[in-house]
Amino acid sequence: MIRCFAGDQQSVFSSSLINQPACKDRIVSQELSANPAGPEQTDPLQTNPEQVPQTSPWYRDGLQFTCSQCGDCCTGPPGVVWASEEELLEIAEYLGKPIGEIRLFHTRIVRGRVSLTEFANGDCTFFDPKSRGCTVYKSRPVQCRTWPFWNSHLANETAWKKVCEVCPGAGEGAFLSLEQVEERAKRIDM
């Protein structure tokens, strides 16, 4: 087994996966077994092939992401940022404003659902262009909190590479395990 570290994150991978991008350059130690047959005999992926999931996601070894605070995900072409009633209430409370004001100035209905609005240039109405930051960052909707780990971005490596081309934090920085990636992805279907 190979033990990989990134910051305070630690993951254990099959020794056959050490050349995967998620683990490259972060190998700290290879655990050897007391088993006289050698370390490969302790690898559950090799000794119990029937327990290997039939379909593993392409990112089974994890992904890297650290938000660079560039603000690019809050700007650009118009789109949708879905917001629930609870999220709108949280934003209103955070800003100390009535919920009606938040609904009136910061939301619109798209395909029967509530979305945050944006200015004519595509910037979210909660985006501050001077600081290039979100004015409601601590109470931002789940869609924003889970970026870039949306199902559409995780569908295949090509989709993820496209995200990495437009998001400077995607594919860089902190290592997130398969479990961490999937926990984020299951919070919203995007």
N, C-alpha and C. Protein backbone atom coordinates (compact mmCIF):
# COMPACT_ATOMS: atom_id res chain seq x y z
N MET A 1 0.85 -1.18 0.00
CA MET A 1 0.00 0.00 0.00
C MET A 1 0.89 1.24 0.00
N ILE A 2 0.38 2.29 -0.57
CA ILE A 2 1.09 3.56 -0.65
C ILE A 2 0.33 4.57 0.19
N ARG A 3 1.02 5.28 1.04
CA ARG A 3 0.40 6.31 1.86
C ARG A 3 0.83 7.66 1.29
N CYS A 4 -0.17 8.49 0.95
CA CYS A 4 0.09 9.80 0.37
C CYS A 4 -0.42 10.88 1.30
N PHE A 5 0.31 11.98 1.36
CA PHE A 5 -0.08 13.10 2.19
C PHE A 5 -0.13 14.37 1.35
N ALA A 6 -1.09 15.23 1.66
CA ALA A 6 -1.16 16.57 1.09
C ALA A 6 -1.69 17.45 2.19
N GLY A 7 -0.87 18.32 2.72
CA GLY A 7 -1.29 19.12 3.88
C GLY A 7 -1.55 18.19 5.03
N ASP A 8 -2.73 18.31 5.65
CA ASP A 8 -3.08 17.40 6.74
C ASP A 8 -3.95 16.26 6.26
N GLN A 9 -4.10 16.12 4.93
CA GLN A 9 -4.89 15.04 4.35
C GLN A 9 -3.99 13.83 4.14
N GLN A 10 -4.54 12.65 4.33
CA GLN A 10 -3.79 11.43 4.12
C GLN A 10 -4.68 10.45 3.40
N SER A 11 -4.13 9.73 2.44
CA SER A 11 -4.87 8.71 1.72
C SER A 11 -3.98 7.50 1.53
N VAL A 12 -4.61 6.34 1.44
CA VAL A 12 -3.89 5.09 1.21
C VAL A 12 -4.39 4.53 -0.11
N PHE A 13 -3.45 4.18 -1.01
CA PHE A 13 -3.81 3.68 -2.32
C PHE A 13 -3.17 2.33 -2.54
N SER A 14 -3.72 1.60 -3.47
CA SER A 14 -3.13 0.37 -3.93
C SER A 14 -1.78 0.70 -4.55
N SER A 15 -0.79 -0.16 -4.35
CA SER A 15 0.53 0.11 -4.90
C SER A 15 0.49 0.14 -6.42
N SER A 16 -0.53 -0.44 -7.03
CA SER A 16 -0.63 -0.41 -8.49
C SER A 16 -1.10 0.93 -9.01
N LEU A 17 -1.51 1.86 -8.13
CA LEU A 17 -2.05 3.15 -8.55
C LEU A 17 -1.10 4.30 -8.31
N ILE A 18 0.15 4.04 -7.97
CA ILE A 18 1.04 5.13 -7.56
C ILE A 18 1.37 6.11 -8.68
N ASN A 19 1.21 5.73 -9.92
CA ASN A 19 1.52 6.65 -11.00
C ASN A 19 0.33 7.50 -11.42
N GLN A 20 -0.78 7.39 -10.70
CA GLN A 20 -1.95 8.20 -11.01
C GLN A 20 -1.69 9.65 -10.60
N PRO A 21 -2.27 10.63 -11.33
CA PRO A 21 -2.02 12.04 -11.04
C PRO A 21 -2.37 12.45 -9.61
N ALA A 22 -3.38 11.84 -9.02
CA ALA A 22 -3.80 12.25 -7.68
C ALA A 22 -2.75 11.95 -6.63
N CYS A 23 -1.84 11.03 -6.92
CA CYS A 23 -0.87 10.63 -5.92
C CYS A 23 0.56 11.01 -6.32
N LYS A 24 0.77 11.34 -7.56
CA LYS A 24 2.10 11.66 -8.07
C LYS A 24 2.76 12.74 -7.22
N ASP A 25 3.99 12.59 -6.90
CA ASP A 25 4.81 13.55 -6.15
C ASP A 25 4.38 13.70 -4.69
N ARG A 26 3.50 12.87 -4.18
CA ARG A 26 3.10 12.98 -2.78
C ARG A 26 3.31 11.66 -2.04
N ILE A 27 4.07 10.75 -2.62
CA ILE A 27 4.29 9.47 -1.97
C ILE A 27 5.27 9.69 -0.83
N VAL A 28 4.84 9.33 0.36
CA VAL A 28 5.68 9.54 1.52
C VAL A 28 6.25 8.21 2.00
N SER A 29 5.42 7.18 1.99
CA SER A 29 5.94 5.91 2.45
C SER A 29 5.21 4.76 1.79
N GLN A 30 5.91 3.69 1.59
CA GLN A 30 5.30 2.48 1.11
C GLN A 30 5.30 1.51 2.28
N GLU A 31 4.10 1.07 2.65
CA GLU A 31 4.00 0.17 3.78
C GLU A 31 4.33 -1.25 3.34
N LEU A 32 5.24 -1.86 4.04
CA LEU A 32 5.61 -3.23 3.74
C LEU A 32 4.95 -4.14 4.75
N SER A 33 4.59 -5.29 4.31
CA SER A 33 3.89 -6.25 5.15
C SER A 33 4.87 -7.24 5.76
N ALA A 34 4.47 -7.79 6.89
CA ALA A 34 5.27 -8.87 7.48
C ALA A 34 5.00 -10.17 6.73
N ASN A 35 4.09 -10.15 5.82
CA ASN A 35 3.73 -11.31 5.03
C ASN A 35 4.93 -11.72 4.17
N PRO A 36 5.40 -12.96 4.29
CA PRO A 36 6.57 -13.38 3.54
C PRO A 36 6.33 -13.37 2.02
N ALA A 37 5.08 -13.36 1.60
CA ALA A 37 4.79 -13.35 0.17
C ALA A 37 5.05 -11.98 -0.44
N GLY A 38 5.23 -10.96 0.40
CA GLY A 38 5.54 -9.62 -0.09
C GLY A 38 4.37 -8.67 0.04
N PRO A 39 4.62 -7.37 -0.13
CA PRO A 39 3.60 -6.35 0.09
C PRO A 39 2.42 -6.46 -0.87
N GLU A 40 2.66 -6.97 -2.09
CA GLU A 40 1.56 -7.05 -3.02
C GLU A 40 0.48 -8.04 -2.57
N GLN A 41 0.84 -8.97 -1.71
CA GLN A 41 -0.15 -9.93 -1.22
C GLN A 41 -1.07 -9.31 -0.17
N THR A 42 -0.72 -8.14 0.38
CA THR A 42 -1.58 -7.49 1.37
C THR A 42 -2.50 -6.47 0.72
N ASP A 43 -2.35 -6.25 -0.57
CA ASP A 43 -3.16 -5.28 -1.28
C ASP A 43 -4.56 -5.87 -1.51
N PRO A 44 -5.60 -5.30 -0.88
CA PRO A 44 -6.93 -5.87 -1.02
C PRO A 44 -7.45 -5.84 -2.45
N LEU A 45 -6.95 -4.93 -3.27
CA LEU A 45 -7.38 -4.90 -4.65
C LEU A 45 -6.82 -6.08 -5.43
N GLN A 46 -5.72 -6.64 -4.93
CA GLN A 46 -5.13 -7.78 -5.63
C GLN A 46 -5.56 -9.10 -5.00
N THR A 47 -5.76 -9.14 -3.69
CA THR A 47 -6.10 -10.40 -3.05
C THR A 47 -7.59 -10.69 -3.07
N ASN A 48 -8.43 -9.67 -3.22
CA ASN A 48 -9.88 -9.85 -3.24
C ASN A 48 -10.48 -9.15 -4.46
N PRO A 49 -10.18 -9.60 -5.65
CA PRO A 49 -10.67 -8.89 -6.83
C PRO A 49 -12.18 -8.85 -6.91
N GLU A 50 -12.87 -9.82 -6.30
CA GLU A 50 -14.33 -9.80 -6.34
C GLU A 50 -14.91 -8.66 -5.52
N GLN A 51 -14.10 -8.04 -4.62
CA GLN A 51 -14.57 -6.92 -3.81
C GLN A 51 -14.32 -5.57 -4.48
N VAL A 52 -13.61 -5.58 -5.60
CA VAL A 52 -13.35 -4.34 -6.31
C VAL A 52 -14.64 -3.90 -6.99
N PRO A 53 -15.07 -2.66 -6.78
CA PRO A 53 -16.29 -2.21 -7.44
C PRO A 53 -16.17 -2.38 -8.95
N GLN A 54 -17.26 -2.77 -9.58
CA GLN A 54 -17.25 -2.98 -11.01
C GLN A 54 -16.98 -1.67 -11.76
N THR A 55 -17.49 -0.59 -11.25
CA THR A 55 -17.25 0.70 -11.90
C THR A 55 -16.74 1.68 -10.86
N SER A 56 -15.50 2.05 -10.99
CA SER A 56 -14.91 3.07 -10.14
C SER A 56 -14.89 4.36 -10.92
N PRO A 57 -15.16 5.49 -10.25
CA PRO A 57 -15.08 6.75 -10.99
C PRO A 57 -13.65 7.01 -11.44
N TRP A 58 -13.51 7.75 -12.51
CA TRP A 58 -12.18 8.05 -13.04
C TRP A 58 -11.33 8.77 -12.01
N TYR A 59 -11.95 9.45 -11.05
CA TYR A 59 -11.22 10.21 -10.03
C TYR A 59 -11.08 9.41 -8.73
N ARG A 60 -11.10 8.09 -8.85
CA ARG A 60 -11.06 7.20 -7.68
C ARG A 60 -9.87 7.47 -6.75
N ASP A 61 -8.81 8.07 -7.31
CA ASP A 61 -7.63 8.36 -6.50
C ASP A 61 -7.68 9.76 -5.89
N GLY A 62 -8.82 10.46 -6.06
CA GLY A 62 -8.98 11.79 -5.50
C GLY A 62 -8.63 12.89 -6.49
N LEU A 63 -8.86 14.12 -6.09
CA LEU A 63 -8.60 15.29 -6.93
C LEU A 63 -7.99 16.40 -6.08
N GLN A 64 -7.44 17.38 -6.74
CA GLN A 64 -6.87 18.53 -6.04
C GLN A 64 -7.74 19.76 -6.29
N PHE A 65 -7.90 20.56 -5.25
CA PHE A 65 -8.59 21.85 -5.39
C PHE A 65 -8.31 22.71 -4.16
N THR A 66 -7.94 23.94 -4.42
CA THR A 66 -7.85 24.97 -3.40
C THR A 66 -8.36 26.25 -4.04
N CYS A 67 -9.37 26.85 -3.44
CA CYS A 67 -9.93 28.08 -3.98
C CYS A 67 -8.86 29.16 -3.96
N SER A 68 -8.66 29.80 -5.11
CA SER A 68 -7.65 30.86 -5.22
C SER A 68 -8.25 32.24 -4.92
N GLN A 69 -9.56 32.27 -4.65
CA GLN A 69 -10.26 33.53 -4.36
C GLN A 69 -10.17 34.50 -5.53
N CYS A 70 -10.14 33.98 -6.76
CA CYS A 70 -10.03 34.83 -7.95
C CYS A 70 -11.36 35.49 -8.31
N GLY A 71 -12.47 34.88 -7.91
CA GLY A 71 -13.79 35.43 -8.22
C GLY A 71 -14.30 35.06 -9.60
N ASP A 72 -13.56 34.30 -10.37
CA ASP A 72 -13.98 33.96 -11.72
C ASP A 72 -15.27 33.14 -11.76
N CYS A 73 -15.52 32.34 -10.75
CA CYS A 73 -16.75 31.53 -10.74
C CYS A 73 -17.98 32.37 -10.44
N CYS A 74 -17.80 33.61 -10.02
CA CYS A 74 -18.90 34.52 -9.70
C CYS A 74 -19.16 35.50 -10.83
N THR A 75 -18.39 35.41 -11.89
CA THR A 75 -18.47 36.36 -12.99
C THR A 75 -18.56 35.61 -14.31
N GLY A 76 -18.69 36.37 -15.37
CA GLY A 76 -18.70 35.75 -16.69
C GLY A 76 -20.09 35.69 -17.28
N PRO A 77 -20.29 34.76 -18.21
CA PRO A 77 -21.60 34.69 -18.88
C PRO A 77 -22.72 34.39 -17.88
N PRO A 78 -23.92 34.87 -18.17
CA PRO A 78 -25.05 34.60 -17.27
C PRO A 78 -25.29 33.10 -17.12
N GLY A 79 -25.82 32.74 -15.97
CA GLY A 79 -26.12 31.34 -15.68
C GLY A 79 -27.12 31.29 -14.55
N VAL A 80 -27.14 30.18 -13.84
CA VAL A 80 -28.03 30.05 -12.69
C VAL A 80 -27.23 29.64 -11.47
N VAL A 81 -27.63 30.18 -10.33
CA VAL A 81 -27.13 29.73 -9.03
C VAL A 81 -28.39 29.46 -8.21
N TRP A 82 -28.74 28.18 -8.11
CA TRP A 82 -29.95 27.79 -7.41
C TRP A 82 -29.83 28.14 -5.94
N ALA A 83 -30.93 28.64 -5.37
CA ALA A 83 -30.94 29.01 -3.96
C ALA A 83 -32.27 28.56 -3.34
N SER A 84 -32.16 27.85 -2.24
CA SER A 84 -33.36 27.39 -1.53
C SER A 84 -33.86 28.51 -0.62
N GLU A 85 -35.06 28.33 -0.11
CA GLU A 85 -35.63 29.31 0.83
C GLU A 85 -34.74 29.43 2.07
N GLU A 86 -34.23 28.31 2.56
CA GLU A 86 -33.35 28.33 3.73
C GLU A 86 -32.07 29.11 3.44
N GLU A 87 -31.51 28.93 2.25
CA GLU A 87 -30.29 29.65 1.89
C GLU A 87 -30.55 31.15 1.78
N LEU A 88 -31.70 31.52 1.22
CA LEU A 88 -32.05 32.94 1.13
C LEU A 88 -32.22 33.54 2.52
N LEU A 89 -32.85 32.80 3.42
CA LEU A 89 -33.01 33.27 4.80
C LEU A 89 -31.65 33.45 5.47
N GLU A 90 -30.75 32.52 5.23
CA GLU A 90 -29.40 32.61 5.80
C GLU A 90 -28.66 33.84 5.27
N ILE A 91 -28.79 34.11 3.97
CA ILE A 91 -28.17 35.29 3.37
C ILE A 91 -28.76 36.56 3.98
N ALA A 92 -30.09 36.60 4.10
CA ALA A 92 -30.76 37.79 4.66
C ALA A 92 -30.29 38.04 6.09
N GLU A 93 -30.21 36.97 6.87
CA GLU A 93 -29.76 37.10 8.25
C GLU A 93 -28.31 37.57 8.31
N TYR A 94 -27.47 37.00 7.46
CA TYR A 94 -26.06 37.37 7.42
C TYR A 94 -25.89 38.86 7.09
N LEU A 95 -26.69 39.34 6.13
CA LEU A 95 -26.60 40.74 5.72
C LEU A 95 -27.41 41.68 6.61
N GLY A 96 -28.23 41.12 7.48
CA GLY A 96 -29.08 41.95 8.33
C GLY A 96 -30.15 42.69 7.54
N LYS A 97 -30.67 42.02 6.51
CA LYS A 97 -31.69 42.63 5.65
C LYS A 97 -32.94 41.77 5.65
N PRO A 98 -34.08 42.36 5.34
CA PRO A 98 -35.31 41.58 5.27
C PRO A 98 -35.26 40.59 4.10
N ILE A 99 -35.87 39.43 4.29
CA ILE A 99 -35.89 38.40 3.25
C ILE A 99 -36.52 38.93 1.96
N GLY A 100 -37.53 39.79 2.10
CA GLY A 100 -38.18 40.37 0.92
C GLY A 100 -37.22 41.17 0.06
N GLU A 101 -36.31 41.89 0.69
CA GLU A 101 -35.31 42.67 -0.05
C GLU A 101 -34.36 41.75 -0.81
N ILE A 102 -33.98 40.65 -0.18
CA ILE A 102 -33.09 39.69 -0.83
C ILE A 102 -33.80 39.09 -2.04
N ARG A 103 -35.05 38.67 -1.85
CA ARG A 103 -35.80 38.11 -2.97
C ARG A 103 -35.96 39.11 -4.11
N LEU A 104 -36.30 40.34 -3.79
CA LEU A 104 -36.57 41.38 -4.79
C LEU A 104 -35.33 41.76 -5.59
N PHE A 105 -34.21 41.97 -4.91
CA PHE A 105 -33.01 42.47 -5.58
C PHE A 105 -31.99 41.41 -5.99
N HIS A 106 -32.13 40.21 -5.47
CA HIS A 106 -31.08 39.22 -5.71
C HIS A 106 -31.55 37.88 -6.24
N THR A 107 -32.84 37.74 -6.58
CA THR A 107 -33.31 36.46 -7.10
C THR A 107 -34.20 36.66 -8.32
N ARG A 108 -34.37 35.57 -9.05
CA ARG A 108 -35.27 35.51 -10.19
C ARG A 108 -35.76 34.07 -10.31
N ILE A 109 -36.82 33.87 -11.04
CA ILE A 109 -37.34 32.53 -11.27
C ILE A 109 -36.84 32.04 -12.63
N VAL A 110 -36.24 30.86 -12.63
CA VAL A 110 -35.74 30.22 -13.85
C VAL A 110 -36.28 28.80 -13.87
N ARG A 111 -37.03 28.47 -14.90
CA ARG A 111 -37.60 27.12 -15.04
C ARG A 111 -38.31 26.67 -13.76
N GLY A 112 -39.02 27.59 -13.14
CA GLY A 112 -39.80 27.27 -11.95
C GLY A 112 -39.00 27.18 -10.66
N ARG A 113 -37.74 27.54 -10.70
CA ARG A 113 -36.89 27.49 -9.51
C ARG A 113 -36.30 28.86 -9.23
N VAL A 114 -35.85 29.07 -8.00
CA VAL A 114 -35.25 30.35 -7.61
C VAL A 114 -33.75 30.30 -7.87
N SER A 115 -33.25 31.33 -8.55
CA SER A 115 -31.82 31.48 -8.83
C SER A 115 -31.39 32.86 -8.36
N LEU A 116 -30.14 32.99 -7.97
CA LEU A 116 -29.59 34.31 -7.71
C LEU A 116 -29.51 35.06 -9.04
N THR A 117 -29.56 36.36 -8.99
CA THR A 117 -29.47 37.17 -10.20
C THR A 117 -28.04 37.62 -10.43
N GLU A 118 -27.83 38.15 -11.63
CA GLU A 118 -26.54 38.73 -11.94
C GLU A 118 -26.77 40.06 -12.65
N PHE A 119 -25.72 40.85 -12.67
CA PHE A 119 -25.76 42.11 -13.40
C PHE A 119 -25.70 41.82 -14.89
N ALA A 120 -25.90 42.84 -15.71
CA ALA A 120 -25.89 42.69 -17.17
C ALA A 120 -24.59 42.06 -17.68
N ASN A 121 -23.48 42.31 -16.99
CA ASN A 121 -22.19 41.75 -17.42
C ASN A 121 -21.98 40.30 -16.98
N GLY A 122 -22.95 39.73 -16.25
CA GLY A 122 -22.86 38.34 -15.81
C GLY A 122 -22.37 38.17 -14.38
N ASP A 123 -21.88 39.24 -13.75
CA ASP A 123 -21.41 39.14 -12.37
C ASP A 123 -22.59 38.90 -11.43
N CYS A 124 -22.42 38.03 -10.47
CA CYS A 124 -23.42 37.81 -9.43
C CYS A 124 -23.64 39.12 -8.67
N THR A 125 -24.89 39.36 -8.26
CA THR A 125 -25.16 40.61 -7.54
C THR A 125 -24.52 40.63 -6.15
N PHE A 126 -24.04 39.50 -5.67
CA PHE A 126 -23.33 39.46 -4.39
C PHE A 126 -21.81 39.55 -4.57
N PHE A 127 -21.35 39.69 -5.81
CA PHE A 127 -19.93 39.77 -6.10
C PHE A 127 -19.46 41.22 -5.98
N ASP A 128 -18.36 41.43 -5.26
CA ASP A 128 -17.77 42.76 -5.12
C ASP A 128 -16.59 42.86 -6.08
N PRO A 129 -16.71 43.64 -7.16
CA PRO A 129 -15.63 43.70 -8.15
C PRO A 129 -14.35 44.33 -7.62
N LYS A 130 -14.45 45.17 -6.62
CA LYS A 130 -13.23 45.80 -6.07
C LYS A 130 -12.36 44.79 -5.34
N SER A 131 -12.97 43.99 -4.49
CA SER A 131 -12.21 42.99 -3.73
C SER A 131 -12.15 41.66 -4.46
N ARG A 132 -12.92 41.52 -5.54
CA ARG A 132 -13.08 40.27 -6.29
C ARG A 132 -13.51 39.15 -5.35
N GLY A 133 -14.41 39.48 -4.45
CA GLY A 133 -14.89 38.49 -3.49
C GLY A 133 -16.39 38.49 -3.35
N CYS A 134 -16.89 37.48 -2.71
CA CYS A 134 -18.31 37.31 -2.47
C CYS A 134 -18.70 38.03 -1.18
N THR A 135 -19.72 38.87 -1.25
CA THR A 135 -20.15 39.61 -0.06
C THR A 135 -20.95 38.75 0.90
N VAL A 136 -21.35 37.55 0.47
CA VAL A 136 -22.09 36.64 1.35
C VAL A 136 -21.37 35.29 1.45
N TYR A 137 -20.05 35.33 1.34
CA TYR A 137 -19.25 34.10 1.28
C TYR A 137 -19.59 33.11 2.40
N LYS A 138 -19.74 33.61 3.62
CA LYS A 138 -20.00 32.72 4.76
C LYS A 138 -21.40 32.12 4.73
N SER A 139 -22.29 32.69 3.92
CA SER A 139 -23.65 32.15 3.83
C SER A 139 -24.03 31.85 2.37
N ARG A 140 -23.04 31.63 1.53
CA ARG A 140 -23.30 31.38 0.11
C ARG A 140 -24.07 30.06 -0.08
N PRO A 141 -24.82 29.96 -1.18
CA PRO A 141 -25.60 28.74 -1.44
C PRO A 141 -24.72 27.50 -1.63
N VAL A 142 -25.33 26.34 -1.48
CA VAL A 142 -24.63 25.06 -1.63
C VAL A 142 -23.97 24.95 -3.00
N GLN A 143 -24.62 25.45 -4.03
CA GLN A 143 -24.04 25.38 -5.36
C GLN A 143 -22.67 26.05 -5.38
N CYS A 144 -22.54 27.17 -4.71
CA CYS A 144 -21.26 27.87 -4.64
C CYS A 144 -20.28 27.12 -3.73
N ARG A 145 -20.77 26.59 -2.63
CA ARG A 145 -19.92 25.88 -1.66
C ARG A 145 -19.29 24.62 -2.25
N THR A 146 -20.00 23.98 -3.17
CA THR A 146 -19.52 22.71 -3.71
C THR A 146 -18.71 22.84 -5.00
N TRP A 147 -18.62 24.05 -5.56
CA TRP A 147 -17.79 24.25 -6.76
C TRP A 147 -16.38 23.77 -6.50
N PRO A 148 -15.72 23.12 -7.37
CA PRO A 148 -16.07 22.66 -8.71
C PRO A 148 -16.55 21.21 -8.74
N PHE A 149 -16.94 20.67 -7.60
CA PHE A 149 -17.27 19.25 -7.51
C PHE A 149 -18.74 18.98 -7.83
N TRP A 150 -19.13 19.38 -9.03
CA TRP A 150 -20.47 19.13 -9.53
C TRP A 150 -20.43 17.88 -10.41
N ASN A 151 -21.54 17.15 -10.43
CA ASN A 151 -21.59 15.92 -11.23
C ASN A 151 -21.19 16.17 -12.68
N SER A 152 -21.61 17.30 -13.24
CA SER A 152 -21.28 17.60 -14.63
C SER A 152 -19.77 17.76 -14.83
N HIS A 153 -19.07 18.21 -13.80
CA HIS A 153 -17.62 18.38 -13.89
C HIS A 153 -16.88 17.07 -13.62
N LEU A 154 -17.56 16.15 -12.95
CA LEU A 154 -16.94 14.88 -12.59
C LEU A 154 -17.33 13.75 -13.53
N ALA A 155 -18.14 14.07 -14.54
CA ALA A 155 -18.64 13.04 -15.46
C ALA A 155 -17.52 12.28 -16.15
N ASN A 156 -16.45 12.98 -16.50
CA ASN A 156 -15.29 12.36 -17.15
C ASN A 156 -14.09 13.29 -17.03
N GLU A 157 -12.93 12.77 -17.36
CA GLU A 157 -11.71 13.57 -17.23
C GLU A 157 -11.71 14.80 -18.13
N THR A 158 -12.33 14.70 -19.28
CA THR A 158 -12.38 15.83 -20.21
C THR A 158 -13.15 16.99 -19.57
N ALA A 159 -14.28 16.68 -18.93
CA ALA A 159 -15.07 17.72 -18.26
C ALA A 159 -14.26 18.37 -17.16
N TRP A 160 -13.54 17.57 -16.37
CA TRP A 160 -12.72 18.11 -15.28
C TRP A 160 -11.58 18.98 -15.84
N LYS A 161 -10.96 18.55 -16.92
CA LYS A 161 -9.87 19.34 -17.52
C LYS A 161 -10.37 20.68 -18.01
N LYS A 162 -11.61 20.72 -18.51
CA LYS A 162 -12.19 22.01 -18.94
C LYS A 162 -12.36 22.94 -17.74
N VAL A 163 -12.76 22.38 -16.59
CA VAL A 163 -12.88 23.18 -15.37
C VAL A 163 -11.49 23.70 -14.98
N CYS A 164 -10.49 22.84 -15.05
CA CYS A 164 -9.12 23.24 -14.68
C CYS A 164 -8.60 24.37 -15.58
N GLU A 165 -9.09 24.44 -16.80
CA GLU A 165 -8.66 25.50 -17.72
C GLU A 165 -9.23 26.86 -17.32
N VAL A 166 -10.40 26.88 -16.68
CA VAL A 166 -11.04 28.15 -16.33
C VAL A 166 -10.97 28.48 -14.84
N CYS A 167 -10.63 27.52 -14.03
CA CYS A 167 -10.55 27.73 -12.58
C CYS A 167 -9.12 27.48 -12.11
N PRO A 168 -8.41 28.52 -11.68
CA PRO A 168 -7.01 28.33 -11.28
C PRO A 168 -6.81 27.43 -10.07
N GLY A 169 -7.85 27.19 -9.28
CA GLY A 169 -7.71 26.33 -8.11
C GLY A 169 -7.99 24.87 -8.38
N ALA A 170 -8.67 24.57 -9.48
CA ALA A 170 -9.00 23.18 -9.83
C ALA A 170 -7.77 22.47 -10.36
N GLY A 171 -7.49 21.31 -9.81
CA GLY A 171 -6.31 20.55 -10.20
C GLY A 171 -5.05 21.00 -9.48
N GLU A 172 -5.19 21.93 -8.55
CA GLU A 172 -4.05 22.48 -7.80
C GLU A 172 -4.37 22.45 -6.30
N GLY A 173 -3.35 22.53 -5.49
CA GLY A 173 -3.55 22.71 -4.06
C GLY A 173 -3.89 21.46 -3.29
N ALA A 174 -4.81 21.60 -2.35
CA ALA A 174 -5.14 20.53 -1.40
C ALA A 174 -5.70 19.30 -2.11
N PHE A 175 -5.30 18.15 -1.60
CA PHE A 175 -5.77 16.87 -2.12
C PHE A 175 -7.06 16.48 -1.41
N LEU A 176 -8.07 16.12 -2.18
CA LEU A 176 -9.33 15.63 -1.63
C LEU A 176 -9.51 14.17 -2.05
N SER A 177 -9.79 13.32 -1.10
CA SER A 177 -9.96 11.90 -1.38
C SER A 177 -11.25 11.66 -2.15
N LEU A 178 -11.40 10.46 -2.68
CA LEU A 178 -12.62 10.07 -3.37
C LEU A 178 -13.83 10.34 -2.50
N GLU A 179 -13.75 9.98 -1.23
CA GLU A 179 -14.88 10.17 -0.31
C GLU A 179 -15.21 11.65 -0.14
N GLN A 180 -14.20 12.50 -0.03
CA GLN A 180 -14.43 13.94 0.12
C GLN A 180 -15.04 14.53 -1.14
N VAL A 181 -14.56 14.12 -2.30
CA VAL A 181 -15.10 14.60 -3.56
C VAL A 181 -16.57 14.19 -3.68
N GLU A 182 -16.86 12.92 -3.41
CA GLU A 182 -18.23 12.43 -3.55
C GLU A 182 -19.16 13.05 -2.51
N GLU A 183 -18.66 13.36 -1.33
CA GLU A 183 -19.50 14.02 -0.32
C GLU A 183 -19.94 15.39 -0.82
N ARG A 184 -19.03 16.12 -1.43
CA ARG A 184 -19.38 17.42 -1.98
C ARG A 184 -20.32 17.29 -3.17
N ALA A 185 -20.03 16.34 -4.06
CA ALA A 185 -20.83 16.17 -5.27
C ALA A 185 -22.27 15.77 -4.97
N LYS A 186 -22.48 15.02 -3.91
CA LYS A 186 -23.85 14.55 -3.63
C LYS A 186 -24.73 15.64 -3.00
N ARG A 187 -24.13 16.75 -2.60
CA ARG A 187 -24.92 17.83 -1.98
C ARG A 187 -25.80 18.57 -2.97
N ILE A 188 -25.44 18.53 -4.26
CA ILE A 188 -26.24 19.21 -5.28
C ILE A 188 -26.01 18.51 -6.61
N ASP A 189 -27.07 18.40 -7.40
CA ASP A 189 -26.96 17.77 -8.72
C ASP A 189 -26.83 18.86 -9.77
N MET A 190 -25.62 19.10 -10.21
CA MET A 190 -25.35 20.15 -11.20
C MET A 190 -24.67 19.53 -12.40
